Amino acid sequence: MSMTDSEFHQKADEMFHIIENAIEDAIDSQGADVDVDASHGALQLEFDDGSVIVINKQEPLHEIWMATRFGGFHFACIDGDWIDQRNGGLEFMSFVRESIKRQSGINVSW
């Protein structure tokens, strides 16, 4: 069963909120330098070295797209999990954490 647009936005917004809170915690606890911009269906994380991770909603496809310094990734909800089928079945939230660490050295947890 596919999700409605409303369900898609609710699920995506929940994940974005978790990521934002984890970044805020890292800023407080680790002195991390991250600019967070959450607007227009996207979450942009800019790190002190100028590199950026952009996570955005692709409503027509009900996917979450993520662009990092090392590539672009497309996550679809499959049996309740957000998976990138093009890159070996990466799970979204784990991949976000690993990408932030790899790109900025910042540890986040949720």
C-alpha atoms as a PDB file:
ATOM      1  CA  MET A   1       0.000   0.000   0.000  1.00  0.00           C
ATOM      2  CA  SER A   2       1.430   3.371  -0.971  1.00  0.00           C
ATOM      3  CA  MET A   3       1.384   6.357   1.328  1.00  0.00           C
ATOM      4  CA  THR A   4      -0.521   9.557   0.764  1.00  0.00           C
ATOM      5  CA  ASP A   5       1.246  12.874   0.200  1.00  0.00           C
ATOM      6  CA  SER A   6       0.258  13.885   3.723  1.00  0.00           C
ATOM      7  CA  GLU A   7       1.752  10.702   5.233  1.00  0.00           C
ATOM      8  CA  PHE A   8       4.920  11.196   3.204  1.00  0.00           C
ATOM      9  CA  HIS A   9       5.377  14.750   4.477  1.00  0.00           C
ATOM     10  CA  GLN A  10       4.671  13.699   8.065  1.00  0.00           C
ATOM     11  CA  LYS A  11       7.265  10.900   7.966  1.00  0.00           C
ATOM     12  CA  ALA A  12       9.881  13.059   6.228  1.00  0.00           C
ATOM     13  CA  ASP A  13       9.323  15.978   8.593  1.00  0.00           C
ATOM     14  CA  GLU A  14       9.743  13.663  11.594  1.00  0.00           C
ATOM     15  CA  MET A  15      13.116  12.491  10.275  1.00  0.00           C
ATOM     16  CA  PHE A  16      14.215  16.044   9.486  1.00  0.00           C
ATOM     17  CA  HIS A  17      13.297  17.086  13.038  1.00  0.00           C
ATOM     18  CA  ILE A  18      15.342  14.215  14.531  1.00  0.00           C
ATOM     19  CA  ILE A  19      18.355  15.210  12.405  1.00  0.00           C
ATOM     20  CA  GLU A  20      18.019  18.893  13.363  1.00  0.00           C
ATOM     21  CA  ASN A  21      17.857  18.016  17.076  1.00  0.00           C
ATOM     22  CA  ALA A  22      20.931  15.777  16.797  1.00  0.00           C
ATOM     23  CA  ILE A  23      22.881  18.569  15.078  1.00  0.00           C
ATOM     24  CA  GLU A  24      21.827  21.042  17.780  1.00  0.00           C
ATOM     25  CA  ASP A  25      22.997  18.559  20.425  1.00  0.00           C
ATOM     26  CA  ALA A  26      26.357  18.184  18.618  1.00  0.00           C
ATOM     27  CA  ILE A  27      26.737  21.962  18.470  1.00  0.00           C
ATOM     28  CA  ASP A  28      26.097  22.164  22.232  1.00  0.00           C
ATOM     29  CA  SER A  29      28.125  19.140  23.341  1.00  0.00           C
ATOM     30  CA  GLN A  30      30.984  19.071  20.809  1.00  0.00           C
ATOM     31  CA  GLY A  31      31.239  22.722  19.861  1.00  0.00           C
ATOM     32  CA  ALA A  32      30.449  21.692  16.299  1.00  0.00           C
ATOM     33  CA  ASP A  33      30.176  24.469  13.739  1.00  0.00           C
ATOM     34  CA  VAL A  34      27.147  23.718  11.576  1.00  0.00           C
ATOM     35  CA  ASP A  35      24.688  26.069   9.906  1.00  0.00           C
ATOM     36  CA  VAL A  36      21.271  24.432   9.619  1.00  0.00           C
ATOM     37  CA  ASP A  37      18.667  25.702   7.160  1.00  0.00           C
ATOM     38  CA  ALA A  38      15.325  23.931   7.171  1.00  0.00           C
ATOM     39  CA  SER A  39      13.009  25.455   4.606  1.00  0.00           C
ATOM     40  CA  HIS A  40      10.964  24.681   1.505  1.00  0.00           C
ATOM     41  CA  GLY A  41      10.966  20.909   2.055  1.00  0.00           C
ATOM     42  CA  ALA A  42      14.736  20.710   2.432  1.00  0.00           C
ATOM     43  CA  LEU A  43      17.275  20.442   5.206  1.00  0.00           C
ATOM     44  CA  GLN A  44      20.692  21.927   4.452  1.00  0.00           C
ATOM     45  CA  LEU A  45      23.679  21.341   6.734  1.00  0.00           C
ATOM     46  CA  GLU A  46      26.714  23.519   6.070  1.00  0.00           C
ATOM     47  CA  PHE A  47      29.904  22.610   7.931  1.00  0.00           C
ATOM     48  CA  ASP A  48      32.833  24.799   8.948  1.00  0.00           C
ATOM     49  CA  ASP A  49      34.897  23.643   5.949  1.00  0.00           C
ATOM     50  CA  GLY A  50      32.178  24.971   3.608  1.00  0.00           C
ATOM     51  CA  SER A  51      30.942  21.536   2.575  1.00  0.00           C
ATOM     52  CA  VAL A  52      27.204  20.935   2.513  1.00  0.00           C
ATOM     53  CA  ILE A  53      24.779  18.053   2.913  1.00  0.00           C
ATOM     54  CA  VAL A  54      21.350  18.698   1.417  1.00  0.00           C
ATOM     55  CA  ILE A  55      18.383  16.468   2.217  1.00  0.00           C
ATOM     56  CA  ASN A  56      15.137  17.189   0.419  1.00  0.00           C
ATOM     57  CA  LYS A  57      11.700  15.773  -0.165  1.00  0.00           C
ATOM     58  CA  GLN A  58      10.730  14.633  -3.646  1.00  0.00           C
ATOM     59  CA  GLU A  59       6.954  14.614  -3.202  1.00  0.00           C
ATOM     60  CA  PRO A  60       5.961  13.294  -6.659  1.00  0.00           C
ATOM     61  CA  LEU A  61       8.107  10.188  -6.070  1.00  0.00           C
ATOM     62  CA  HIS A  62       7.601   9.998  -2.286  1.00  0.00           C
ATOM     63  CA  GLU A  63      11.379   9.833  -1.926  1.00  0.00           C
ATOM     64  CA  ILE A  64      13.980  11.574   0.197  1.00  0.00           C
ATOM     65  CA  TRP A  65      17.025  12.703  -1.780  1.00  0.00           C
ATOM     66  CA  MET A  66      20.376  13.403  -0.171  1.00  0.00           C
ATOM     67  CA  ALA A  67      23.376  15.131  -1.718  1.00  0.00           C
ATOM     68  CA  THR A  68      26.760  14.892  -0.022  1.00  0.00           C
ATOM     69  CA  ARG A  69      30.295  15.739  -1.017  1.00  0.00           C
ATOM     70  CA  PHE A  70      30.699  12.099  -2.111  1.00  0.00           C
ATOM     71  CA  GLY A  71      27.489  11.527  -4.064  1.00  0.00           C
ATOM     72  CA  GLY A  72      23.739  11.692  -4.426  1.00  0.00           C
ATOM     73  CA  PHE A  73      21.334   9.190  -2.922  1.00  0.00           C
ATOM     74  CA  HIS A  74      17.597   8.492  -3.301  1.00  0.00           C
ATOM     75  CA  PHE A  75      15.655   6.857  -0.459  1.00  0.00           C
ATOM     76  CA  ALA A  76      12.197   5.316  -0.814  1.00  0.00           C
ATOM     77  CA  CYS A  77       9.999   3.931   1.949  1.00  0.00           C
ATOM     78  CA  ILE A  78      10.009   0.143   1.622  1.00  0.00           C
ATOM     79  CA  ASP A  79       8.137  -1.866   4.247  1.00  0.00           C
ATOM     80  CA  GLY A  80       8.439   1.060   6.673  1.00  0.00           C
ATOM     81  CA  ASP A  81      12.188   1.624   6.179  1.00  0.00           C
ATOM     82  CA  TRP A  82      13.781   4.345   4.045  1.00  0.00           C
ATOM     83  CA  ILE A  83      16.165   2.512   1.704  1.00  0.00           C
ATOM     84  CA  ASP A  84      18.398   3.566  -1.201  1.00  0.00           C
ATOM     85  CA  GLN A  85      18.020   0.663  -3.617  1.00  0.00           C
ATOM     86  CA  ARG A  86      20.626   2.066  -6.010  1.00  0.00           C
ATOM     87  CA  ASN A  87      23.507   1.905  -3.546  1.00  0.00           C
ATOM     88  CA  GLY A  88      23.322  -1.484  -1.893  1.00  0.00           C
ATOM     89  CA  GLY A  89      20.279  -0.954   0.300  1.00  0.00           C
ATOM     90  CA  LEU A  90      21.562   1.883   2.483  1.00  0.00           C
ATOM     91  CA  GLU A  91      19.176   2.795   5.324  1.00  0.00           C
ATOM     92  CA  PHE A  92      18.488   6.544   5.488  1.00  0.00           C
ATOM     93  CA  MET A  93      18.981   7.489   9.155  1.00  0.00           C
ATOM     94  CA  SER A  94      22.127   5.356   9.541  1.00  0.00           C
ATOM     95  CA  PHE A  95      23.498   6.783   6.313  1.00  0.00           C
ATOM     96  CA  VAL A  96      22.809  10.365   7.436  1.00  0.00           C
ATOM     97  CA  ARG A  97      24.776   9.765  10.652  1.00  0.00           C
ATOM     98  CA  GLU A  98      27.672   8.147   8.747  1.00  0.00           C
ATOM     99  CA  SER A  99      27.664  10.924   6.135  1.00  0.00           C
ATOM    100  CA  ILE A 100      27.819  13.693   8.742  1.00  0.00           C
ATOM    101  CA  LYS A 101      30.726  11.913  10.447  1.00  0.00           C
ATOM    102  CA  ARG A 102      32.537  11.257   7.159  1.00  0.00           C
ATOM    103  CA  GLN A 103      32.055  14.761   5.812  1.00  0.00           C
ATOM    104  CA  SER A 104      32.585  16.828   8.977  1.00  0.00           C
ATOM    105  CA  GLY A 105      33.972  14.602  11.733  1.00  0.00           C
ATOM    106  CA  ILE A 106      30.925  15.385  13.881  1.00  0.00           C
ATOM    107  CA  ASN A 107      29.303  12.531  15.798  1.00  0.00           C
ATOM    108  CA  VAL A 108      25.524  12.667  16.005  1.00  0.00           C
ATOM    109  CA  SER A 109      23.145  10.209  17.593  1.00  0.00           C
ATOM    110  CA  TRP A 110      19.421   9.660  17.841  1.00  0.00           C
END
